[in-house]
Amino acid sequence: MNTAGQKLKRARERLNLRYRDVEELSQKIAERRGSDEYTIALSRLADIENKGTLPSLYRLYSLCAIYRLDLSEVLEWYGIPVGSLAADAASLQLERTHAVNFQGNGPGEAQVPLALDPGLDFKKTTYLSRLIQRWGKVPLMLLDGLDLRHHRYAFVGSEDWSMHPLLPPGSLVVVDETRRKIAASGWTSEYDRPIYFLEHREGWLCGWCTLAGQTLIVQGHPSSATPPRVFDLKQIEIVGQITAVAMQLEQKRTRS
């Protein structure tokens, strides 16, 4: 197993730099930064490479500058997962409302849709994953920890008010395909009751579900005044449970 020190040593050797060269170059950085903390003495560099000595942040900065290495990647060598910073922060609950100031991108990348079928009808609720024509990789630190292989996207149509105000028209939702079993209990209010994404012969719909034998009752939000719909299980597919939603807080249009 290659240690961080060994990786730094290989980076130095690839550039054909001697210990003395690294020391002299680090002194130039120290002069530029106005601090001797950036200087790397010969003996200290030998200990970093061969004895596993941890360099200070200042010396690590100098090594990355000299070897043309990405600081975030080198921190990963030392077991500091910079790409998980935002995700770790999101897992910690703070009582006060606060801003998030993570800038820059971590090393992780996620597959996201970059191009959609031009025939997409935004008036109808749509299983968006089937209409994605092109995917691309984008660094998204906040998605760290999500199992994107089992999550799909869906779009609530601009004329679909069935789950308003929980899922307003125009919302983009994430569907977890591993959660297809209809829950009969376990919630305390409408806000934590599972909402399912379903496909039937006429298209797709979202709603609360009740299973009675081989009959599935799909119920909309009471505020929508949408009547419940009843399906035979053979006539409808439970695609999965909606686990996340992106929506506009200001609803410019009202229901006609």
C-alpha atoms as a PDB file:
ATOM      1  CA  MET A   1       0.000   0.000   0.000  1.00  0.00           C
ATOM      2  CA  ASN A   2       1.420   3.368  -0.999  1.00  0.00           C
ATOM      3  CA  THR A   3       1.552   5.858   1.845  1.00  0.00           C
ATOM      4  CA  ALA A   4       1.077   9.574   1.406  1.00  0.00           C
ATOM      5  CA  GLY A   5       4.805  10.077   1.941  1.00  0.00           C
ATOM      6  CA  GLN A   6       5.642   7.581  -0.788  1.00  0.00           C
ATOM      7  CA  LYS A   7       3.272   9.317  -3.205  1.00  0.00           C
ATOM      8  CA  LEU A   8       4.932  12.648  -2.458  1.00  0.00           C
ATOM      9  CA  LYS A   9       8.329  11.056  -3.025  1.00  0.00           C
ATOM     10  CA  ARG A  10       7.275   9.752  -6.444  1.00  0.00           C
ATOM     11  CA  ALA A  11       5.934  13.174  -7.358  1.00  0.00           C
ATOM     12  CA  ARG A  12       9.322  14.691  -6.479  1.00  0.00           C
ATOM     13  CA  GLU A  13      11.254  12.072  -8.411  1.00  0.00           C
ATOM     14  CA  ARG A  14       9.084  12.502 -11.512  1.00  0.00           C
ATOM     15  CA  LEU A  15      10.234  16.126 -11.589  1.00  0.00           C
ATOM     16  CA  ASN A  16      13.850  15.073 -10.956  1.00  0.00           C
ATOM     17  CA  LEU A  17      14.056  17.267  -7.861  1.00  0.00           C
ATOM     18  CA  ARG A  18      16.579  16.716  -5.071  1.00  0.00           C
ATOM     19  CA  TYR A  19      15.883  17.411  -1.402  1.00  0.00           C
ATOM     20  CA  ARG A  20      18.009  20.547  -1.705  1.00  0.00           C
ATOM     21  CA  ASP A  21      15.912  21.722  -4.687  1.00  0.00           C
ATOM     22  CA  VAL A  22      12.680  21.334  -2.726  1.00  0.00           C
ATOM     23  CA  GLU A  23      14.126  23.212   0.228  1.00  0.00           C
ATOM     24  CA  GLU A  24      15.237  26.120  -1.946  1.00  0.00           C
ATOM     25  CA  LEU A  25      11.917  26.300  -3.775  1.00  0.00           C
ATOM     26  CA  SER A  26      10.000  26.211  -0.502  1.00  0.00           C
ATOM     27  CA  GLN A  27      12.106  29.124   0.750  1.00  0.00           C
ATOM     28  CA  LYS A  28      10.955  31.156  -2.251  1.00  0.00           C
ATOM     29  CA  ILE A  29       7.332  30.392  -1.340  1.00  0.00           C
ATOM     30  CA  ALA A  30       8.063  31.357   2.272  1.00  0.00           C
ATOM     31  CA  GLU A  31       9.487  34.688   1.108  1.00  0.00           C
ATOM     32  CA  ARG A  32       6.494  35.256  -1.140  1.00  0.00           C
ATOM     33  CA  ARG A  33       4.078  34.461   1.693  1.00  0.00           C
ATOM     34  CA  GLY A  34       6.067  36.254   4.380  1.00  0.00           C
ATOM     35  CA  SER A  35       6.281  33.231   6.696  1.00  0.00           C
ATOM     36  CA  ASP A  36       9.001  30.688   7.448  1.00  0.00           C
ATOM     37  CA  GLU A  37       6.261  28.098   8.114  1.00  0.00           C
ATOM     38  CA  TYR A  38       6.263  27.345   4.385  1.00  0.00           C
ATOM     39  CA  THR A  39       9.934  26.317   4.389  1.00  0.00           C
ATOM     40  CA  ILE A  40      10.690  22.579   4.200  1.00  0.00           C
ATOM     41  CA  ALA A  41      14.090  21.606   5.582  1.00  0.00           C
ATOM     42  CA  LEU A  42      15.938  18.621   4.124  1.00  0.00           C
ATOM     43  CA  SER A  43      15.581  16.507   7.248  1.00  0.00           C
ATOM     44  CA  ARG A  44      11.861  17.257   7.537  1.00  0.00           C
ATOM     45  CA  LEU A  45      11.244  16.292   3.902  1.00  0.00           C
ATOM     46  CA  ALA A  46      13.085  13.008   4.439  1.00  0.00           C
ATOM     47  CA  ASP A  47      10.918  12.276   7.484  1.00  0.00           C
ATOM     48  CA  ILE A  48       7.742  13.096   5.533  1.00  0.00           C
ATOM     49  CA  GLU A  49       8.680  10.711   2.722  1.00  0.00           C
ATOM     50  CA  ASN A  50      10.234   7.856   4.696  1.00  0.00           C
ATOM     51  CA  LYS A  51       8.915   7.969   8.272  1.00  0.00           C
ATOM     52  CA  GLY A  52       5.315   9.004   7.696  1.00  0.00           C
ATOM     53  CA  THR A  53       5.735  12.343   9.470  1.00  0.00           C
ATOM     54  CA  LEU A  54       2.704  14.558   8.981  1.00  0.00           C
ATOM     55  CA  PRO A  55       3.578  17.842   7.287  1.00  0.00           C
ATOM     56  CA  SER A  56       2.029  21.024   8.572  1.00  0.00           C
ATOM     57  CA  LEU A  57      -0.608  22.683   6.407  1.00  0.00           C
ATOM     58  CA  TYR A  58       1.941  25.294   5.366  1.00  0.00           C
ATOM     59  CA  ARG A  59       4.516  22.701   4.278  1.00  0.00           C
ATOM     60  CA  LEU A  60       1.842  20.653   2.531  1.00  0.00           C
ATOM     61  CA  TYR A  61       0.851  23.797   0.622  1.00  0.00           C
ATOM     62  CA  SER A  62       4.484  24.274  -0.438  1.00  0.00           C
ATOM     63  CA  LEU A  63       4.826  20.667  -1.569  1.00  0.00           C
ATOM     64  CA  CYS A  64       1.646  20.911  -3.653  1.00  0.00           C
ATOM     65  CA  ALA A  65       2.861  24.149  -5.238  1.00  0.00           C
ATOM     66  CA  ILE A  66       6.293  22.709  -6.015  1.00  0.00           C
ATOM     67  CA  TYR A  67       5.050  19.346  -7.300  1.00  0.00           C
ATOM     68  CA  ARG A  68       2.017  20.828  -9.124  1.00  0.00           C
ATOM     69  CA  LEU A  69      -0.386  18.707  -7.071  1.00  0.00           C
ATOM     70  CA  ASP A  70      -3.985  19.392  -6.172  1.00  0.00           C
ATOM     71  CA  LEU A  71      -4.179  20.182  -2.454  1.00  0.00           C
ATOM     72  CA  SER A  72      -7.564  18.508  -2.056  1.00  0.00           C
ATOM     73  CA  GLU A  73      -6.231  15.296  -3.582  1.00  0.00           C
ATOM     74  CA  VAL A  74      -3.160  15.267  -1.343  1.00  0.00           C
ATOM     75  CA  LEU A  75      -5.361  15.794   1.720  1.00  0.00           C
ATOM     76  CA  GLU A  76      -7.242  12.697   0.575  1.00  0.00           C
ATOM     77  CA  TRP A  77      -3.936  10.810   0.673  1.00  0.00           C
ATOM     78  CA  TYR A  78      -3.745  11.675   4.363  1.00  0.00           C
ATOM     79  CA  GLY A  79      -7.274  10.430   4.994  1.00  0.00           C
ATOM     80  CA  ILE A  80      -9.047  13.797   4.894  1.00  0.00           C
ATOM     81  CA  PRO A  81     -12.034  13.421   2.490  1.00  0.00           C
ATOM     82  CA  VAL A  82     -12.373  16.994   1.261  1.00  0.00           C
ATOM     83  CA  GLY A  83     -15.040  15.962  -1.245  1.00  0.00           C
ATOM     84  CA  SER A  84     -17.258  14.813   1.635  1.00  0.00           C
ATOM     85  CA  LEU A  85     -17.037  18.079   3.554  1.00  0.00           C
ATOM     86  CA  ALA A  86     -20.440  19.400   2.511  1.00  0.00           C
ATOM     87  CA  ALA A  87     -22.102  16.011   2.933  1.00  0.00           C
ATOM     88  CA  ASP A  88     -20.645  15.576   6.426  1.00  0.00           C
ATOM     89  CA  ALA A  89     -21.808  19.068   7.322  1.00  0.00           C
ATOM     90  CA  ALA A  90     -25.297  18.283   6.038  1.00  0.00           C
ATOM     91  CA  SER A  91     -25.433  15.216   8.302  1.00  0.00           C
ATOM     92  CA  LEU A  92     -24.937  17.414  11.378  1.00  0.00           C
ATOM     93  CA  GLN A  93     -28.027  19.137  12.729  1.00  0.00           C
ATOM     94  CA  LEU A  94     -27.612  22.743  13.895  1.00  0.00           C
ATOM     95  CA  GLU A  95     -30.398  24.527  15.708  1.00  0.00           C
ATOM     96  CA  ARG A  96     -29.922  27.911  14.088  1.00  0.00           C
ATOM     97  CA  THR A  97     -30.636  28.764  10.456  1.00  0.00           C
ATOM     98  CA  HIS A  98     -27.340  29.428   8.738  1.00  0.00           C
ATOM     99  CA  ALA A  99     -25.654  30.030   5.406  1.00  0.00           C
ATOM    100  CA  VAL A 100     -23.514  27.376   3.732  1.00  0.00           C
ATOM    101  CA  ASN A 101     -20.186  28.701   2.512  1.00  0.00           C
ATOM    102  CA  PHE A 102     -18.582  25.686   0.849  1.00  0.00           C
ATOM    103  CA  GLN A 103     -16.881  26.967  -2.264  1.00  0.00           C
ATOM    104  CA  GLY A 104     -15.128  25.025  -4.963  1.00  0.00           C
ATOM    105  CA  ASN A 105     -15.807  21.473  -6.043  1.00  0.00           C
ATOM    106  CA  GLY A 106     -14.740  18.241  -4.446  1.00  0.00           C
ATOM    107  CA  PRO A 107     -13.251  15.347  -6.363  1.00  0.00           C
ATOM    108  CA  GLY A 108     -16.538  13.480  -6.574  1.00  0.00           C
ATOM    109  CA  GLU A 109     -18.723  13.604  -9.648  1.00  0.00           C
ATOM    110  CA  ALA A 110     -22.351  12.695 -10.185  1.00  0.00           C
ATOM    111  CA  GLN A 111     -24.289  11.814 -13.290  1.00  0.00           C
ATOM    112  CA  VAL A 112     -26.896  14.489 -14.037  1.00  0.00           C
ATOM    113  CA  PRO A 113     -29.139  15.125 -17.062  1.00  0.00           C
ATOM    114  CA  LEU A 114     -27.768  17.649 -19.531  1.00  0.00           C
ATOM    115  CA  ALA A 115     -30.211  17.351 -22.450  1.00  0.00           C
ATOM    116  CA  LEU A 116     -33.913  16.468 -22.618  1.00  0.00           C
ATOM    117  CA  ASP A 117     -36.204  15.240 -25.358  1.00  0.00           C
ATOM    118  CA  PRO A 118     -37.464  18.364 -27.187  1.00  0.00           C
ATOM    119  CA  GLY A 119     -40.924  16.769 -27.323  1.00  0.00           C
ATOM    120  CA  LEU A 120     -41.288  16.924 -23.516  1.00  0.00           C
ATOM    121  CA  ASP A 121     -44.757  18.228 -22.574  1.00  0.00           C
ATOM    122  CA  PHE A 122     -44.335  20.327 -19.437  1.00  0.00           C
ATOM    123  CA  LYS A 123     -48.081  20.371 -18.812  1.00  0.00           C
ATOM    124  CA  LYS A 124     -48.113  16.691 -17.921  1.00  0.00           C
ATOM    125  CA  THR A 125     -46.473  14.823 -15.085  1.00  0.00           C
ATOM    126  CA  THR A 126     -43.602  12.932 -16.694  1.00  0.00           C
ATOM    127  CA  TYR A 127     -41.093  10.243 -15.839  1.00  0.00           C
ATOM    128  CA  LEU A 128     -38.155  12.441 -16.734  1.00  0.00           C
ATOM    129  CA  SER A 129     -35.501   9.712 -16.706  1.00  0.00           C
ATOM    130  CA  ARG A 130     -36.991   8.198 -19.863  1.00  0.00           C
ATOM    131  CA  LEU A 131     -36.722  11.480 -21.740  1.00  0.00           C
ATOM    132  CA  ILE A 132     -33.117  12.297 -20.878  1.00  0.00           C
ATOM    133  CA  GLN A 133     -31.103  12.239 -24.100  1.00  0.00           C
ATOM    134  CA  ARG A 134     -27.684  13.023 -22.698  1.00  0.00           C
ATOM    135  CA  TRP A 135     -26.059  12.649 -19.305  1.00  0.00           C
ATOM    136  CA  GLY A 136     -22.897  14.319 -18.091  1.00  0.00           C
ATOM    137  CA  LYS A 137     -20.620  14.337 -15.085  1.00  0.00           C
ATOM    138  CA  VAL A 138     -20.791  17.338 -12.783  1.00  0.00           C
ATOM    139  CA  PRO A 139     -19.018  17.699  -9.412  1.00  0.00           C
ATOM    140  CA  LEU A 140     -21.727  17.870  -6.747  1.00  0.00           C
ATOM    141  CA  MET A 141     -20.419  17.593  -3.197  1.00  0.00           C
ATOM    142  CA  LEU A 142     -23.870  17.690  -1.639  1.00  0.00           C
ATOM    143  CA  LEU A 143     -24.861  14.517  -3.462  1.00  0.00           C
ATOM    144  CA  ASP A 144     -22.178  12.507  -1.711  1.00  0.00           C
ATOM    145  CA  GLY A 145     -23.718   9.477  -0.019  1.00  0.00           C
ATOM    146  CA  LEU A 146     -26.717   9.186  -2.322  1.00  0.00           C
ATOM    147  CA  ASP A 147     -27.197   5.955  -4.253  1.00  0.00           C
ATOM    148  CA  LEU A 148     -27.831   7.542  -7.631  1.00  0.00           C
ATOM    149  CA  ARG A 149     -28.141   4.158  -9.341  1.00  0.00           C
ATOM    150  CA  HIS A 150     -31.534   3.640  -7.706  1.00  0.00           C
ATOM    151  CA  HIS A 151     -32.818   7.208  -7.972  1.00  0.00           C
ATOM    152  CA  ARG A 152     -34.676   8.630 -10.964  1.00  0.00           C
ATOM    153  CA  TYR A 153     -36.104  12.025 -11.849  1.00  0.00           C
ATOM    154  CA  ALA A 154     -39.702  12.984 -12.504  1.00  0.00           C
ATOM    155  CA  PHE A 155     -41.358  16.262 -13.404  1.00  0.00           C
ATOM    156  CA  VAL A 156     -44.726  17.342 -11.986  1.00  0.00           C
ATOM    157  CA  GLY A 157     -46.680  18.827 -14.878  1.00  0.00           C
ATOM    158  CA  SER A 158     -47.563  22.510 -14.926  1.00  0.00           C
ATOM    159  CA  GLU A 159     -51.242  21.515 -14.940  1.00  0.00           C
ATOM    160  CA  ASP A 160     -50.951  18.788 -12.290  1.00  0.00           C
ATOM    161  CA  TRP A 161     -52.325  20.166  -9.009  1.00  0.00           C
ATOM    162  CA  SER A 162     -53.067  16.785  -7.434  1.00  0.00           C
ATOM    163  CA  MET A 163     -50.480  17.058  -4.640  1.00  0.00           C
ATOM    164  CA  HIS A 164     -50.411  20.831  -4.285  1.00  0.00           C
ATOM    165  CA  PRO A 165     -49.138  22.418  -2.035  1.00  0.00           C
ATOM    166  CA  LEU A 166     -46.721  19.608  -1.110  1.00  0.00           C
ATOM    167  CA  LEU A 167     -45.716  19.090  -4.746  1.00  0.00           C
ATOM    168  CA  PRO A 168     -46.631  22.238  -6.686  1.00  0.00           C
ATOM    169  CA  PRO A 169     -46.918  22.119 -10.479  1.00  0.00           C
ATOM    170  CA  GLY A 170     -43.498  22.403 -12.068  1.00  0.00           C
ATOM    171  CA  SER A 171     -41.675  20.592  -9.271  1.00  0.00           C
ATOM    172  CA  LEU A 172     -38.717  18.348 -10.025  1.00  0.00           C
ATOM    173  CA  VAL A 173     -38.789  15.251  -7.824  1.00  0.00           C
ATOM    174  CA  VAL A 174     -36.398  12.407  -7.061  1.00  0.00           C
ATOM    175  CA  VAL A 175     -37.899   8.906  -7.119  1.00  0.00           C
ATOM    176  CA  ASP A 176     -36.313   6.080  -5.115  1.00  0.00           C
ATOM    177  CA  GLU A 177     -37.017   2.920  -7.121  1.00  0.00           C
ATOM    178  CA  THR A 178     -36.093   0.675  -4.186  1.00  0.00           C
ATOM    179  CA  ARG A 179     -39.123   1.874  -2.203  1.00  0.00           C
ATOM    180  CA  ARG A 180     -42.053   0.311  -4.019  1.00  0.00           C
ATOM    181  CA  LYS A 181     -43.881  -1.289  -1.108  1.00  0.00           C
ATOM    182  CA  ILE A 182     -46.953   0.702  -0.104  1.00  0.00           C
ATOM    183  CA  ALA A 183     -46.697   1.708   3.560  1.00  0.00           C
ATOM    184  CA  ALA A 184     -49.886   1.286   5.574  1.00  0.00           C
ATOM    185  CA  SER A 185     -48.733   3.277   8.617  1.00  0.00           C
ATOM    186  CA  GLY A 186     -45.731   4.970  10.185  1.00  0.00           C
ATOM    187  CA  TRP A 187     -46.469   8.652   9.592  1.00  0.00           C
ATOM    188  CA  THR A 188     -47.813  11.319  11.932  1.00  0.00           C
ATOM    189  CA  SER A 189     -48.889  14.007   9.446  1.00  0.00           C
ATOM    190  CA  GLU A 190     -49.276  14.690   5.750  1.00  0.00           C
ATOM    191  CA  TYR A 191     -45.700  15.971   5.640  1.00  0.00           C
ATOM    192  CA  ASP A 192     -44.102  12.616   6.395  1.00  0.00           C
ATOM    193  CA  ARG A 193     -46.657  10.364   4.709  1.00  0.00           C
ATOM    194  CA  PRO A 194     -44.979   8.628   1.738  1.00  0.00           C
ATOM    195  CA  ILE A 195     -45.826  10.009  -1.697  1.00  0.00           C
ATOM    196  CA  TYR A 196     -45.488   7.536  -4.551  1.00  0.00           C
ATOM    197  CA  PHE A 197     -44.793   7.986  -8.243  1.00  0.00           C
ATOM    198  CA  LEU A 198     -46.851   5.660 -10.419  1.00  0.00           C
ATOM    199  CA  GLU A 199     -47.296   4.744 -14.081  1.00  0.00           C
ATOM    200  CA  HIS A 200     -50.624   3.709 -15.622  1.00  0.00           C
ATOM    201  CA  ARG A 201     -51.979   3.370 -19.129  1.00  0.00           C
ATOM    202  CA  GLU A 202     -52.633   7.085 -19.534  1.00  0.00           C
ATOM    203  CA  GLY A 203     -49.366   8.370 -18.091  1.00  0.00           C
ATOM    204  CA  TRP A 204     -47.895   9.072 -14.673  1.00  0.00           C
ATOM    205  CA  LEU A 205     -49.186  10.459 -11.411  1.00  0.00           C
ATOM    206  CA  CYS A 206     -48.122  11.221  -7.848  1.00  0.00           C
ATOM    207  CA  GLY A 207     -50.108  10.626  -4.711  1.00  0.00           C
ATOM    208  CA  TRP A 208     -50.666   8.972  -1.372  1.00  0.00           C
ATOM    209  CA  CYS A 209     -51.538   5.320  -1.760  1.00  0.00           C
ATOM    210  CA  THR A 210     -53.715   2.833   0.074  1.00  0.00           C
ATOM    211  CA  LEU A 211     -53.585  -0.850  -0.815  1.00  0.00           C
ATOM    212  CA  ALA A 212     -56.712  -2.976  -0.314  1.00  0.00           C
ATOM    213  CA  GLY A 213     -56.109  -6.476  -1.597  1.00  0.00           C
ATOM    214  CA  GLN A 214     -55.491  -6.151  -5.338  1.00  0.00           C
ATOM    215  CA  THR A 215     -56.907  -2.619  -5.433  1.00  0.00           C
ATOM    216  CA  LEU A 216     -54.751   0.483  -5.200  1.00  0.00           C
ATOM    217  CA  ILE A 217     -56.352   3.782  -4.179  1.00  0.00           C
ATOM    218  CA  VAL A 218     -54.359   6.867  -5.157  1.00  0.00           C
ATOM    219  CA  GLN A 219     -55.323   9.944  -3.167  1.00  0.00           C
ATOM    220  CA  GLY A 220     -54.380  13.536  -3.899  1.00  0.00           C
ATOM    221  CA  HIS A 221     -53.905  16.315  -1.385  1.00  0.00           C
ATOM    222  CA  PRO A 222     -57.233  17.537   0.068  1.00  0.00           C
ATOM    223  CA  SER A 223     -56.415  21.122  -0.947  1.00  0.00           C
ATOM    224  CA  SER A 224     -56.250  20.082  -4.596  1.00  0.00           C
ATOM    225  CA  ALA A 225     -59.870  18.860  -4.615  1.00  0.00           C
ATOM    226  CA  THR A 226     -58.683  15.959  -6.788  1.00  0.00           C
ATOM    227  CA  PRO A 227     -60.931  12.902  -6.369  1.00  0.00           C
ATOM    228  CA  PRO A 228     -59.257   9.598  -5.407  1.00  0.00           C
ATOM    229  CA  ARG A 229     -58.461   7.228  -8.257  1.00  0.00           C
ATOM    230  CA  VAL A 230     -58.897   3.472  -7.991  1.00  0.00           C
ATOM    231  CA  PHE A 231     -56.751   0.999  -9.943  1.00  0.00           C
ATOM    232  CA  ASP A 232     -56.364  -2.710 -10.200  1.00  0.00           C
ATOM    233  CA  LEU A 233     -52.746  -3.596  -9.366  1.00  0.00           C
ATOM    234  CA  LYS A 234     -52.430  -5.148 -12.826  1.00  0.00           C
ATOM    235  CA  GLN A 235     -53.232  -1.766 -14.395  1.00  0.00           C
ATOM    236  CA  ILE A 236     -50.650   0.354 -12.597  1.00  0.00           C
ATOM    237  CA  GLU A 237     -46.948   0.196 -11.750  1.00  0.00           C
ATOM    238  CA  ILE A 238     -45.468   1.602  -8.559  1.00  0.00           C
ATOM    239  CA  VAL A 239     -42.272   3.211  -9.851  1.00  0.00           C
ATOM    240  CA  GLY A 240     -41.057   4.247  -6.406  1.00  0.00           C
ATOM    241  CA  GLN A 241     -41.338   6.690  -3.538  1.00  0.00           C
ATOM    242  CA  ILE A 242     -40.643  10.397  -3.919  1.00  0.00           C
ATOM    243  CA  THR A 243     -37.783  11.237  -1.578  1.00  0.00           C
ATOM    244  CA  ALA A 244     -36.765  14.771  -2.610  1.00  0.00           C
ATOM    245  CA  VAL A 245     -38.297  17.739  -4.369  1.00  0.00           C
ATOM    246  CA  ALA A 246     -37.092  21.011  -5.906  1.00  0.00           C
ATOM    247  CA  MET A 247     -39.798  23.650  -6.261  1.00  0.00           C
ATOM    248  CA  GLN A 248     -40.403  27.346  -6.702  1.00  0.00           C
ATOM    249  CA  LEU A 249     -41.620  29.035  -3.538  1.00  0.00           C
ATOM    250  CA  GLU A 250     -43.423  31.768  -5.467  1.00  0.00           C
ATOM    251  CA  GLN A 251     -46.294  30.281  -7.458  1.00  0.00           C
ATOM    252  CA  LYS A 252     -46.954  32.830 -10.197  1.00  0.00           C
ATOM    253  CA  ARG A 253     -49.860  30.911 -11.704  1.00  0.00           C
ATOM    254  CA  THR A 254     -53.037  29.882  -9.984  1.00  0.00           C
ATOM    255  CA  ARG A 255     -55.242  26.947 -10.764  1.00  0.00           C
ATOM    256  CA  SER A 256     -57.749  27.722 -13.503  1.00  0.00           C
END
